[in-house]
Protein backbone atom coordinates (compact mmCIF):
# COMPACT_ATOMS: atom_id res chain seq x y z
CA MET A 1 0.00 0.00 0.00
CA GLY A 2 2.78 2.14 0.71
CA GLY A 3 4.30 1.57 -2.73
CA ILE A 4 1.05 2.41 -4.48
CA GLY A 5 0.73 5.61 -2.62
CA GLY A 6 4.18 6.66 -3.74
CA ILE A 7 3.37 6.02 -7.33
CA TRP A 8 0.27 8.14 -7.10
CA VAL A 9 2.32 10.86 -5.63
CA VAL A 10 4.74 10.66 -8.51
CA VAL A 11 1.94 10.53 -11.01
CA ALA A 12 0.29 13.48 -9.38
CA GLY A 13 3.57 15.37 -9.52
CA VAL A 14 4.03 14.60 -13.15
CA ILE A 15 0.48 15.63 -13.91
CA GLY A 16 1.03 18.86 -11.97
CA VAL A 17 4.16 19.54 -13.91
CA LEU A 18 2.38 18.93 -17.16
CA ILE A 19 -0.53 21.11 -16.15
CA GLY A 20 1.89 23.88 -15.08
CA GLY A 21 3.82 23.70 -18.35
CA ALA A 22 0.61 23.76 -20.35
CA THR A 23 -0.54 26.72 -18.33
CA VAL A 24 2.70 28.54 -19.00
CA VAL A 25 2.47 27.75 -22.69
CA LEU A 26 -1.09 28.89 -22.78
CA VAL A 27 -0.25 32.12 -20.97
CA GLU A 28 2.65 32.82 -23.30
CA ARG A 29 0.45 32.14 -26.28
CA VAL A 30 -2.18 34.47 -24.95
CA LEU A 31 0.42 37.17 -24.33
CA SER A 32 1.93 36.69 -27.77
CA ARG A 33 -1.46 36.95 -29.36
CA SER A 34 -2.20 40.14 -27.40
CA LYS A 35 1.16 41.65 -28.40
CA LEU A 36 0.58 40.68 -32.01
CA GLU A 37 -2.83 42.27 -31.94
CA ARG A 38 -1.32 45.47 -30.50
CA THR A 39 1.39 45.41 -33.14
CA ASN A 40 -1.17 44.94 -35.87
CA LEU A 41 -3.18 47.83 -34.49
CA THR A 42 -0.09 50.05 -34.41
CA ALA A 43 0.89 49.05 -37.93
CA ALA A 44 -2.60 49.71 -39.16
CA LYS A 45 -2.58 53.13 -37.49
CA LEU A 46 0.82 53.95 -38.98
CA LEU A 47 -0.34 52.84 -42.38
CA GLU A 48 -3.41 54.98 -42.05
CA ASP A 49 -1.30 57.96 -40.98
CA ALA A 50 1.06 57.38 -43.87
CA GLN A 51 -1.79 57.25 -46.32
CA THR A 52 -3.26 60.45 -44.83
CA ARG A 53 0.15 62.23 -45.01
CA SER A 54 0.66 61.04 -48.55
CA LYS A 55 -2.71 62.44 -49.56
CA GLU A 56 -1.84 65.76 -47.89
CA ILE A 57 1.50 65.90 -49.68
CA GLU A 58 -0.09 65.07 -52.99
CA LEU A 59 -2.71 67.74 -52.38
CA ALA A 60 -0.04 70.34 -51.47
CA ALA A 61 2.04 69.40 -54.51
CA GLU A 62 -0.98 69.77 -56.72
CA LYS A 63 -1.72 73.19 -55.19
CA GLY A 64 1.94 74.33 -55.66
CA ALA A 65 2.06 73.12 -59.23
CA LEU A 66 -1.18 74.91 -59.93
CA ALA A 67 0.14 78.14 -58.39
CA ARG A 68 3.36 77.95 -60.40
CA ARG A 69 1.42 77.23 -63.51
CA ASN A 70 -0.81 80.21 -62.87
CA GLN A 71 2.27 82.44 -62.20
CA ALA A 72 3.98 81.20 -65.34
CA GLU A 73 0.89 81.87 -67.38
CA SER A 74 0.64 85.36 -65.82
CA ASP A 75 4.31 86.11 -66.58
CA ALA A 76 3.93 84.83 -70.09
CA GLN A 77 0.89 87.03 -70.55
CA LYS A 78 2.79 90.11 -69.30
CA ARG A 79 5.77 89.34 -71.52
CA LEU A 80 3.46 88.88 -74.47
CA GLN A 81 1.89 92.26 -73.76
CA GLU A 82 5.34 93.90 -73.54
CA LEU A 83 6.38 92.33 -76.81
CA ARG A 84 3.22 93.59 -78.41
CA ARG A 85 3.88 97.13 -77.12
CA GLU A 86 7.51 96.96 -78.28
CA ASP A 87 6.37 95.76 -81.64
CA GLU A 88 3.96 98.68 -81.83
CA ARG A 89 6.75 101.14 -80.97
CA ILE A 90 9.05 99.60 -83.56
CA GLN A 91 6.29 99.83 -86.11
CA GLN A 92 5.67 103.49 -85.24
CA ARG A 93 9.40 104.26 -85.45
CA ARG A 94 9.63 102.48 -88.77
CA GLU A 95 6.76 104.54 -90.08
CA ALA A 96 8.41 107.73 -88.79
CA LEU A 97 11.69 106.75 -90.46
CA ASP A 98 9.89 106.05 -93.69
CA THR A 99 8.27 109.46 -93.46
CA ARG A 100 11.63 111.14 -92.77
CA ILE A 101 13.25 109.26 -95.63
CA ASP A 102 10.51 110.45 -97.94
CA ARG A 103 11.08 114.03 -96.78
CA LEU A 104 14.82 113.72 -97.23
CA GLU A 105 14.35 112.36 -100.70
CA GLU A 106 12.09 115.29 -101.49
CA ARG A 107 14.65 117.71 -100.04
CA GLU A 108 17.47 116.02 -101.93
CA GLY A 109 15.53 116.47 -105.10
CA ALA A 110 15.00 120.14 -104.30
CA LEU A 111 18.72 120.54 -103.49
CA ASN A 112 19.69 118.88 -106.72
CA LYS A 113 17.50 121.32 -108.59
CA ARG A 114 18.98 124.24 -106.64
CA GLN A 115 22.52 122.95 -107.26
CA SER A 116 21.73 122.76 -110.93
CA ARG A 117 20.58 126.37 -110.89
CA ILE A 118 23.70 127.38 -108.87
CA ASP A 119 26.00 125.60 -111.29
CA LYS A 120 24.28 127.34 -114.14
CA LEU A 121 24.63 130.73 -112.46
CA LYS A 122 28.28 129.96 -111.60
CA ASN A 123 29.04 129.21 -115.21
CA GLU A 124 27.35 132.42 -116.25
CA ILE A 125 29.31 134.41 -113.61
CA GLU A 126 32.59 132.83 -114.66
CA GLY A 127 31.82 133.71 -118.22
CA LEU A 128 31.03 137.30 -117.27
CA HIS A 129 34.20 137.45 -115.07
CA THR A 130 36.31 136.22 -117.97
CA GLU A 131 34.77 138.80 -120.27
CA GLN A 132 35.25 141.58 -117.68
CA THR A 133 38.85 140.53 -117.02
CA ALA A 134 39.62 140.55 -120.71
CA GLU A 135 37.98 143.96 -121.06
CA LEU A 136 39.90 145.34 -118.05
CA GLU A 137 43.19 144.01 -119.43
CA ARG A 138 42.39 145.62 -122.77
CA VAL A 139 41.47 148.97 -121.18
CA ALA A 140 44.29 149.03 -118.56
CA ASN A 141 46.84 147.52 -120.90
CA LEU A 142 47.88 145.16 -118.01
CA SER A 143 47.83 141.41 -117.79
CA ARG A 144 46.02 139.67 -114.98
CA GLU A 145 49.25 138.76 -113.17
CA GLU A 146 50.58 142.31 -113.51
CA ALA A 147 47.36 143.79 -112.11
CA ARG A 148 47.39 141.30 -109.22
CA GLU A 149 51.01 142.11 -108.40
CA GLN A 150 50.31 145.86 -108.46
CA LEU A 151 47.25 145.42 -106.24
CA LEU A 152 49.19 143.26 -103.77
CA LYS A 153 51.93 145.87 -103.54
CA GLU A 154 49.41 148.59 -102.76
CA VAL A 155 47.68 146.41 -100.17
CA GLU A 156 51.04 145.44 -98.62
CA ALA A 157 52.11 149.08 -98.35
CA GLN A 158 48.82 150.05 -96.74
CA THR A 159 48.99 147.04 -94.41
CA ARG A 160 52.57 147.78 -93.36
CA ASP A 161 51.67 151.36 -92.54
CA GLU A 162 48.64 150.19 -90.59
CA MET A 163 50.71 147.55 -88.79
CA ALA A 164 53.36 150.09 -87.88
CA ARG A 165 50.72 152.46 -86.57
CA ILE A 166 49.02 149.76 -84.50
CA ILE A 167 52.33 148.40 -83.19
CA ARG A 168 53.50 151.89 -82.26
CA GLN A 169 50.19 152.63 -80.56
CA VAL A 170 50.19 149.36 -78.60
CA GLU A 171 53.85 149.69 -77.64
CA ASN A 172 53.39 153.29 -76.52
CA GLU A 173 50.38 152.34 -74.43
CA ALA A 174 52.17 149.35 -72.91
CA LYS A 175 55.28 151.43 -72.26
CA ARG A 176 53.28 154.16 -70.58
CA GLN A 177 51.58 151.72 -68.25
CA ALA A 178 54.68 149.59 -67.65
CA ASP A 179 56.97 152.60 -67.20
CA GLN A 180 54.57 154.21 -64.76
CA LYS A 181 54.22 151.08 -62.65
CA ALA A 182 57.91 150.22 -62.84
CA ARG A 183 58.87 153.79 -62.02
CA GLU A 184 56.67 153.74 -58.94
CA ILE A 185 58.09 150.43 -57.70
CA VAL A 186 61.73 151.26 -58.47
CA THR A 187 61.48 154.78 -57.06
CA LEU A 188 59.93 153.48 -53.88
CA ALA A 189 62.61 150.82 -53.53
CA ILE A 190 65.44 153.32 -54.16
CA GLN A 191 63.99 155.84 -51.72
CA ARG A 192 63.69 153.18 -49.02
CA CYS A 193 67.24 151.92 -49.64
CA ALA A 194 69.71 154.82 -49.60
CA ALA A 195 73.12 153.15 -49.21
CA GLU A 196 76.46 154.91 -49.39
CA GLN A 197 78.86 153.92 -52.14
CA VAL A 198 82.53 152.98 -51.65
CA ALA A 199 85.11 153.18 -54.45
CA GLU A 200 88.27 151.09 -54.23
CA THR A 201 91.04 150.04 -56.60
CA THR A 202 93.46 147.17 -56.97
CA VAL A 203 96.21 148.97 -55.03
CA ALA A 204 96.61 149.98 -51.40
CA MET A 205 98.85 152.71 -50.03
CA VAL A 206 100.68 152.42 -46.70
CA SER A 207 101.81 155.68 -45.08
CA LEU A 208 105.33 155.87 -43.67
CA PRO A 209 106.60 158.15 -40.89
CA ASN A 210 109.51 159.22 -43.10
CA ASP A 211 111.30 158.25 -46.30
CA ASP A 212 114.08 156.52 -44.32
CA MET A 213 111.56 153.74 -43.58
CA LYS A 214 111.62 152.80 -47.26
CA GLY A 215 115.20 151.64 -46.93
CA ARG A 216 114.36 149.51 -43.88
CA ILE A 217 111.43 147.96 -45.77
CA ILE A 218 113.71 147.11 -48.68
CA GLY A 219 116.35 145.73 -46.33
CA ARG A 220 119.90 144.67 -47.03
CA SER A 221 120.14 143.51 -50.66
CA GLY A 222 116.34 143.65 -50.79
CA ARG A 223 115.79 140.69 -48.42
CA ASN A 224 112.97 142.37 -46.45
CA ILE A 225 110.91 143.39 -49.47
CA ARG A 226 111.37 139.93 -50.99
CA ALA A 227 110.23 138.34 -47.72
CA ILE A 228 107.16 140.60 -47.62
CA GLU A 229 106.24 139.80 -51.23
CA LYS A 230 106.78 136.09 -50.69
CA ALA A 231 104.74 135.97 -47.48
CA THR A 232 101.87 138.17 -48.69
CA GLY A 233 101.73 137.35 -52.40
CA VAL A 234 101.48 141.02 -53.40
CA ASP A 235 103.78 143.40 -55.23
CA VAL A 236 105.44 146.00 -53.01
CA ILE A 237 106.17 149.16 -55.02
CA VAL A 238 108.66 151.60 -53.52
CA ASP A 239 108.81 154.67 -55.76
CA ASP A 240 109.22 158.42 -55.45
CA THR A 241 105.89 158.85 -53.65
CA PRO A 242 106.81 160.77 -50.49
CA GLU A 243 106.37 158.91 -47.19
CA ALA A 244 104.35 156.06 -48.73
CA ILE A 245 104.68 152.69 -50.45
CA ILE A 246 102.15 150.96 -52.69
CA LEU A 247 100.86 147.38 -52.43
CA SER A 248 99.46 145.98 -55.66
CA SER A 249 97.46 142.77 -56.12
CA PHE A 250 94.32 141.62 -57.93
CA ASP A 251 93.39 139.52 -54.90
CA PRO A 252 91.74 141.99 -52.49
CA VAL A 253 92.04 139.69 -49.46
CA ARG A 254 95.78 139.22 -49.87
CA ARG A 255 96.14 142.96 -50.48
CA GLU A 256 94.30 143.73 -47.22
CA ILE A 257 96.41 141.20 -45.27
CA ALA A 258 99.56 142.76 -46.71
CA ARG A 259 98.37 146.29 -45.82
CA ILE A 260 97.71 145.35 -42.19
CA ALA A 261 100.98 143.45 -41.91
CA VAL A 262 103.14 146.23 -43.44
CA SER A 263 101.38 148.89 -41.35
CA ARG A 264 102.19 146.97 -38.17
CA LEU A 265 105.77 146.37 -39.25
CA VAL A 266 106.19 150.08 -39.85
CA THR A 267 104.64 150.90 -36.46
CA ASP A 268 106.74 148.28 -34.68
CA GLY A 269 109.96 149.24 -36.43
CA ARG A 270 111.42 145.73 -36.26
CA ILE A 271 111.53 144.60 -39.86
CA HIS A 272 113.26 141.32 -40.66
CA PRO A 273 112.11 138.00 -42.28
CA GLY A 274 111.28 136.26 -38.99
CA ARG A 275 109.21 139.17 -37.74
CA ILE A 276 107.47 139.47 -41.11
CA GLU A 277 106.21 135.84 -40.89
CA LYS A 278 104.78 136.34 -37.38
CA ILE A 279 103.04 139.60 -38.30
CA MET A 280 101.66 137.93 -41.44
CA GLU A 281 100.11 135.11 -39.39
CA LYS A 282 98.43 137.57 -37.03
CA ALA A 283 97.20 139.74 -39.93
CA THR A 284 95.80 136.67 -41.69
CA GLU A 285 93.89 135.62 -38.57
CA GLU A 286 92.55 139.15 -38.15
CA VAL A 287 91.39 139.40 -41.77
CA ASN A 288 89.75 135.95 -41.58
CA ALA A 289 87.89 137.02 -38.46
CA THR A 290 86.83 140.23 -40.22
CA ILE A 291 85.62 138.21 -43.21
CA ARG A 292 83.52 135.98 -40.98
CA GLU A 293 82.09 138.92 -39.04
CA GLU A 294 81.26 140.88 -42.20
CA GLY A 295 79.52 137.86 -43.72
CA GLU A 296 77.49 137.23 -40.58
CA GLN A 297 76.58 140.92 -40.34
CA ALA A 298 75.46 140.97 -43.99
CA VAL A 299 73.23 137.93 -43.45
CA LEU A 300 71.83 139.55 -40.32
CA ASP A 301 71.21 142.91 -42.02
CA VAL A 302 69.34 141.34 -44.91
CA GLY A 303 67.46 138.86 -42.72
CA VAL A 304 68.28 135.60 -44.48
CA PRO A 305 68.47 132.72 -41.97
CA GLY A 306 70.10 129.33 -42.43
CA VAL A 307 72.94 130.33 -44.78
CA HIS A 308 75.77 127.78 -44.92
CA PRO A 309 78.92 128.91 -43.00
CA GLU A 310 81.04 128.60 -46.15
CA LEU A 311 78.69 130.93 -48.02
CA VAL A 312 78.84 133.33 -45.09
CA LYS A 313 82.64 133.30 -45.34
CA LEU A 314 82.49 133.93 -49.09
CA LEU A 315 80.11 136.84 -48.51
CA GLY A 316 82.62 138.33 -46.09
CA ARG A 317 85.35 138.10 -48.75
CA LEU A 318 83.24 140.36 -50.97
CA LYS A 319 83.99 143.22 -48.58
CA PHE A 320 87.44 143.40 -50.17
CA ARG A 321 86.20 143.05 -53.75
CA THR A 322 85.12 145.91 -56.01
CA SER A 323 83.36 146.03 -59.38
CA TYR A 324 83.82 149.23 -61.40
CA GLY A 325 84.85 150.85 -58.12
CA GLN A 326 81.71 149.68 -56.28
CA ASN A 327 82.16 147.53 -53.17
CA VAL A 328 80.61 144.14 -54.02
CA LEU A 329 79.43 143.30 -50.48
CA LEU A 330 77.60 146.62 -50.12
CA HIS A 331 76.25 146.15 -53.64
CA SER A 332 74.97 142.65 -52.72
CA ILE A 333 73.27 143.93 -49.57
CA GLN A 334 71.70 146.80 -51.47
CA THR A 335 70.54 144.46 -54.25
CA ALA A 336 68.93 142.18 -51.65
CA HIS A 337 67.04 145.09 -50.08
CA LEU A 338 65.91 146.43 -53.47
CA ALA A 339 64.76 143.00 -54.65
CA GLY A 340 62.92 142.41 -51.38
CA MET A 341 61.13 145.75 -51.58
CA MET A 342 60.04 145.20 -55.18
CA ALA A 343 58.92 141.66 -54.34
CA SER A 344 56.83 143.05 -51.50
CA GLU A 345 55.17 145.56 -53.83
CA LEU A 346 54.44 142.86 -56.44
CA GLY A 347 53.28 140.18 -54.00
CA ALA A 348 56.23 137.87 -54.73
CA ASN A 349 58.33 135.83 -52.27
CA VAL A 350 60.26 138.47 -50.31
CA ALA A 351 62.57 136.00 -48.52
CA LEU A 352 63.52 134.33 -51.80
CA ALA A 353 64.17 137.68 -53.50
CA LYS A 354 66.39 138.83 -50.62
CA GLU A 355 68.39 135.61 -50.56
CA GLY A 356 68.85 135.68 -54.34
CA GLY A 357 69.94 139.32 -54.20
CA LEU A 358 72.40 138.71 -51.38
CA LEU A 359 74.02 135.71 -53.09
CA HIS A 360 73.82 136.89 -56.73
CA ASP A 361 77.51 137.98 -56.87
CA ILE A 362 78.88 135.25 -54.57
CA GLY A 363 80.87 133.90 -57.52
CA LYS A 364 83.06 137.01 -57.47
CA ALA A 365 84.54 135.81 -54.17
CA VAL A 366 86.31 132.92 -55.94
CA ASP A 367 86.42 133.85 -59.64
CA HIS A 368 90.18 134.56 -59.42
CA ASP A 369 90.68 130.85 -58.78
CA VAL A 370 87.87 129.32 -60.89
CA GLU A 371 87.33 129.62 -64.63
CA GLY A 372 84.00 130.86 -65.97
CA PRO A 373 81.55 133.75 -65.54
CA HIS A 374 80.83 134.70 -61.94
CA ALA A 375 77.08 134.03 -62.34
CA ALA A 376 77.72 130.38 -63.27
CA ILE A 377 80.33 130.06 -60.51
CA GLY A 378 77.92 131.52 -57.96
CA ALA A 379 75.14 129.15 -59.10
CA ASP A 380 77.48 126.17 -58.62
CA LEU A 381 78.38 127.40 -55.13
CA ALA A 382 74.73 127.90 -54.17
CA GLN A 383 73.91 124.39 -55.39
CA ARG A 384 76.91 122.89 -53.59
CA TYR A 385 75.86 124.40 -50.27
CA GLY A 386 72.23 123.31 -50.44
CA ARG A 387 70.35 126.41 -51.57
CA SER A 388 66.97 125.93 -53.27
CA ALA A 389 66.58 125.61 -57.05
CA ARG A 390 64.87 129.03 -57.27
CA VAL A 391 67.74 130.73 -55.41
CA ILE A 392 70.19 129.02 -57.76
CA ASN A 393 68.21 130.35 -60.72
CA CYS A 394 68.27 133.89 -59.24
CA VAL A 395 72.08 133.70 -59.07
CA ALA A 396 72.55 132.11 -62.51
CA ALA A 397 70.15 134.42 -64.38
CA HIS A 398 71.03 137.85 -62.98
CA HIS A 399 73.15 138.71 -66.06
CA GLY A 400 70.91 136.99 -68.61
CA GLU A 401 73.24 134.00 -69.04
CA SER A 402 70.37 131.70 -68.02
CA GLU A 403 66.62 132.07 -68.47
CA PRO A 404 64.83 133.33 -65.34
CA GLN A 405 62.33 130.70 -64.16
CA CYS A 406 60.56 132.73 -61.50
CA LEU A 407 59.50 136.32 -60.83
CA GLU A 408 62.09 136.67 -58.06
CA ALA A 409 64.93 135.99 -60.54
CA ILE A 410 63.71 138.86 -62.72
CA LEU A 411 63.51 141.13 -59.67
CA VAL A 412 67.08 140.22 -58.64
CA GLU A 413 68.28 141.06 -62.16
CA ALA A 414 66.46 144.41 -62.04
CA ALA A 415 67.75 145.21 -58.54
CA ASP A 416 71.32 144.40 -59.63
CA ALA A 417 70.98 146.82 -62.56
CA ILE A 418 69.45 149.53 -60.35
CA SER A 419 72.21 149.25 -57.75
CA GLY A 420 74.94 149.42 -60.39
CA ALA A 421 73.32 152.21 -62.42
CA ARG A 422 72.77 154.68 -59.57
CA PRO A 423 74.72 157.94 -60.05
CA GLY A 424 78.16 157.63 -58.50
CA ALA A 425 77.77 153.92 -57.79
CA ARG A 426 80.40 152.77 -60.26
CA ARG A 427 83.24 154.17 -62.24
CA GLU A 428 85.23 152.91 -65.17
CA SER A 429 88.46 153.93 -66.76
CA LEU A 430 88.57 156.44 -69.60
CA GLU A 431 89.89 153.79 -71.94
CA ASN A 432 86.99 151.42 -71.22
CA TYR A 433 84.53 154.29 -71.52
CA LEU A 434 85.85 155.38 -74.92
CA LYS A 435 85.95 151.78 -76.10
CA ARG A 436 82.32 151.22 -75.09
CA VAL A 437 81.10 154.45 -76.70
CA LYS A 438 82.98 153.68 -79.93
CA GLY A 439 81.61 150.13 -79.90
CA LEU A 440 78.05 151.43 -79.59
CA GLU A 441 78.41 153.70 -82.60
CA ASP A 442 80.13 150.98 -84.66
CA ILE A 443 77.29 148.53 -83.94
CA ALA A 444 74.66 151.09 -84.97
CA ASP A 445 76.55 152.06 -88.17
CA SER A 446 76.83 148.40 -89.21
CA PHE A 447 73.10 148.20 -90.03
CA ASP A 448 71.76 149.12 -93.47
CA GLY A 449 69.80 152.34 -93.78
CA VAL A 450 71.60 154.11 -90.90
CA SER A 451 72.64 157.66 -91.70
CA GLN A 452 74.26 158.74 -88.41
CA SER A 453 74.58 157.46 -84.85
CA TYR A 454 75.56 159.20 -81.63
CA ALA A 455 76.35 157.72 -78.22
CA ILE A 456 75.09 160.15 -75.56
CA GLN A 457 74.36 160.20 -71.82
CA ALA A 458 77.86 158.87 -71.02
CA GLY A 459 77.26 155.87 -73.24
CA ARG A 460 73.91 154.96 -71.71
CA GLU A 461 71.93 155.91 -74.83
CA ILE A 462 72.55 155.48 -78.54
CA ARG A 463 70.58 157.65 -80.97
CA ILE A 464 70.33 156.41 -84.55
CA ILE A 465 69.20 158.61 -87.45
CA VAL A 466 68.02 156.51 -90.40
CA LYS A 467 67.41 157.27 -94.06
CA PRO A 468 63.65 157.70 -94.48
CA ASP A 469 63.72 156.36 -98.03
CA ASP A 470 65.34 153.09 -96.93
CA ILE A 471 63.72 152.58 -93.51
CA ASP A 472 59.98 152.90 -92.98
CA ASP A 473 58.16 153.13 -89.64
CA LEU A 474 57.86 149.38 -89.18
CA ALA A 475 61.50 148.80 -90.10
CA ALA A 476 62.54 151.54 -87.62
CA ILE A 477 60.83 149.65 -84.79
CA GLN A 478 62.53 146.43 -85.83
CA LEU A 479 65.89 148.19 -86.16
CA SER A 480 65.76 149.40 -82.54
CA LYS A 481 65.17 145.84 -81.38
CA ASP A 482 67.97 144.43 -83.58
CA VAL A 483 70.50 147.03 -82.36
CA ALA A 484 69.56 146.36 -78.73
CA ARG A 485 70.07 142.60 -79.21
CA ARG A 486 73.43 143.20 -80.94
CA VAL A 487 74.59 145.45 -78.10
CA GLU A 488 73.59 142.86 -75.52
CA ASP A 489 75.54 140.16 -77.35
CA SER A 490 78.65 142.22 -78.17
CA LEU A 491 79.33 144.62 -75.28
CA GLN A 492 79.73 144.48 -71.52
CA TYR A 493 78.38 147.49 -69.66
CA PRO A 494 76.91 148.43 -66.28
CA GLY A 495 73.18 149.14 -66.09
CA GLN A 496 71.27 149.41 -69.37
CA ILE A 497 71.61 151.24 -72.70
CA LYS A 498 68.66 152.95 -74.40
CA VAL A 499 68.40 152.57 -78.18
CA THR A 500 66.50 155.39 -79.95
CA VAL A 501 65.82 155.25 -83.70
CA ILE A 502 64.84 158.57 -85.34
CA ARG A 503 63.17 158.62 -88.76
CA GLU A 504 62.64 162.10 -90.13
CA THR A 505 60.94 162.94 -93.40
CA ARG A 506 61.63 166.36 -94.92
CA ALA A 507 59.70 167.87 -97.82
CA VAL A 508 61.67 170.60 -99.65
CA ASP A 509 60.51 172.82 -102.48
CA PHE A 510 61.60 176.16 -103.94
CA ALA A 511 59.54 179.24 -104.77
CA LYS A 512 60.60 180.69 -108.05
């Protein structure tokens, strides 16, 4: 019984296990079916949503396509209307052009008819002109070329007279206005700048206490005078001049050093070669200091700042240089003041005019050692020491050797002439004066048609009397210009020379 009960227990256990497994399988199947149903529902919903979205998209696409189609049709309609309007305008323009072409053709026809009439009239006029010309030649007994030549001569003579009259009238008017204005400016400048004039020569005289000093200066066998000449570079002239000796040299600085040195030797009384060398050194230092001081004072008086020290030194050397007896440093200062005053009156650059006037003769400080005209030498010096291009032009052009490139250069040239031409400013030797006067008359006499010529006003004016039969009014004007140019090219002279051409016609008859 006990064994049967155990079997039932086992069977019951197995049955329970089977029932449990079936239950689990059944539950799983139920759950799977429920999940599948949910999945199917979800899929169906998604499919439905997708179909709905697709319909919406299709509907939107159809709406967009319709809108674009409508817009395209509208644009095409507008473009079609514009093309129609453009076509209408082209058609109207074509019609207008056709109308204009028709008018032009009508006008061309009228012009052709008019041209035909003009050609006909021209032929008739030419025929009449030929007949008249032939008749005139027969009556006047002149050919056509002869009559033309005679007529041209008469017209030329009348034209030349008229030209001369007009030229003379214009020149007189311009001269009156220019002379009046220039006279006012120059007079004002001269009145405001009244500088004293100094005349010097190429020799210096040293006074002696007595004639016995001459022998001491000469020394034994002439050793002292040779030592002085060697140390100073000047010629010592001991002649019959009482109580004086003469120092001669073309270098004014060396002449001044020699004058100071000899004066001190005479005062000291101890004259021998060793003493001469010491005195020469001291005199040289003193003159160099004077040169520097004079240059600085000149720059200060004129009011030109920033001048190179070497130019200042060269300006100081001009104190010992003369031109036709006029001190060059004083002349340069005066020229600077005159140029500055005229520049002020004309509204030009006053500082530039003053600097150009002060430096215009700087080349004379070194022209004993350098070849060439002093204007070109001075321009090179101004360029070397950093002056401006306009200042260089003022220096180079003040004697007409270069073309003035600014108003200030012209003013410097005028101021230089004014300073040199003032009464008593310069002097020249009788020989040079006679040579210049004779040269003026020779230049005037070298021109054709000149009857007589006279140099007057101390050679500052040349008056030319011409033959009225050979020189007419127009030729007289041209002759004055030609003589002036020839004088400028051939002669050297201070200031300016006036050329006056006189043409006089005399009518003479006799009462019988």
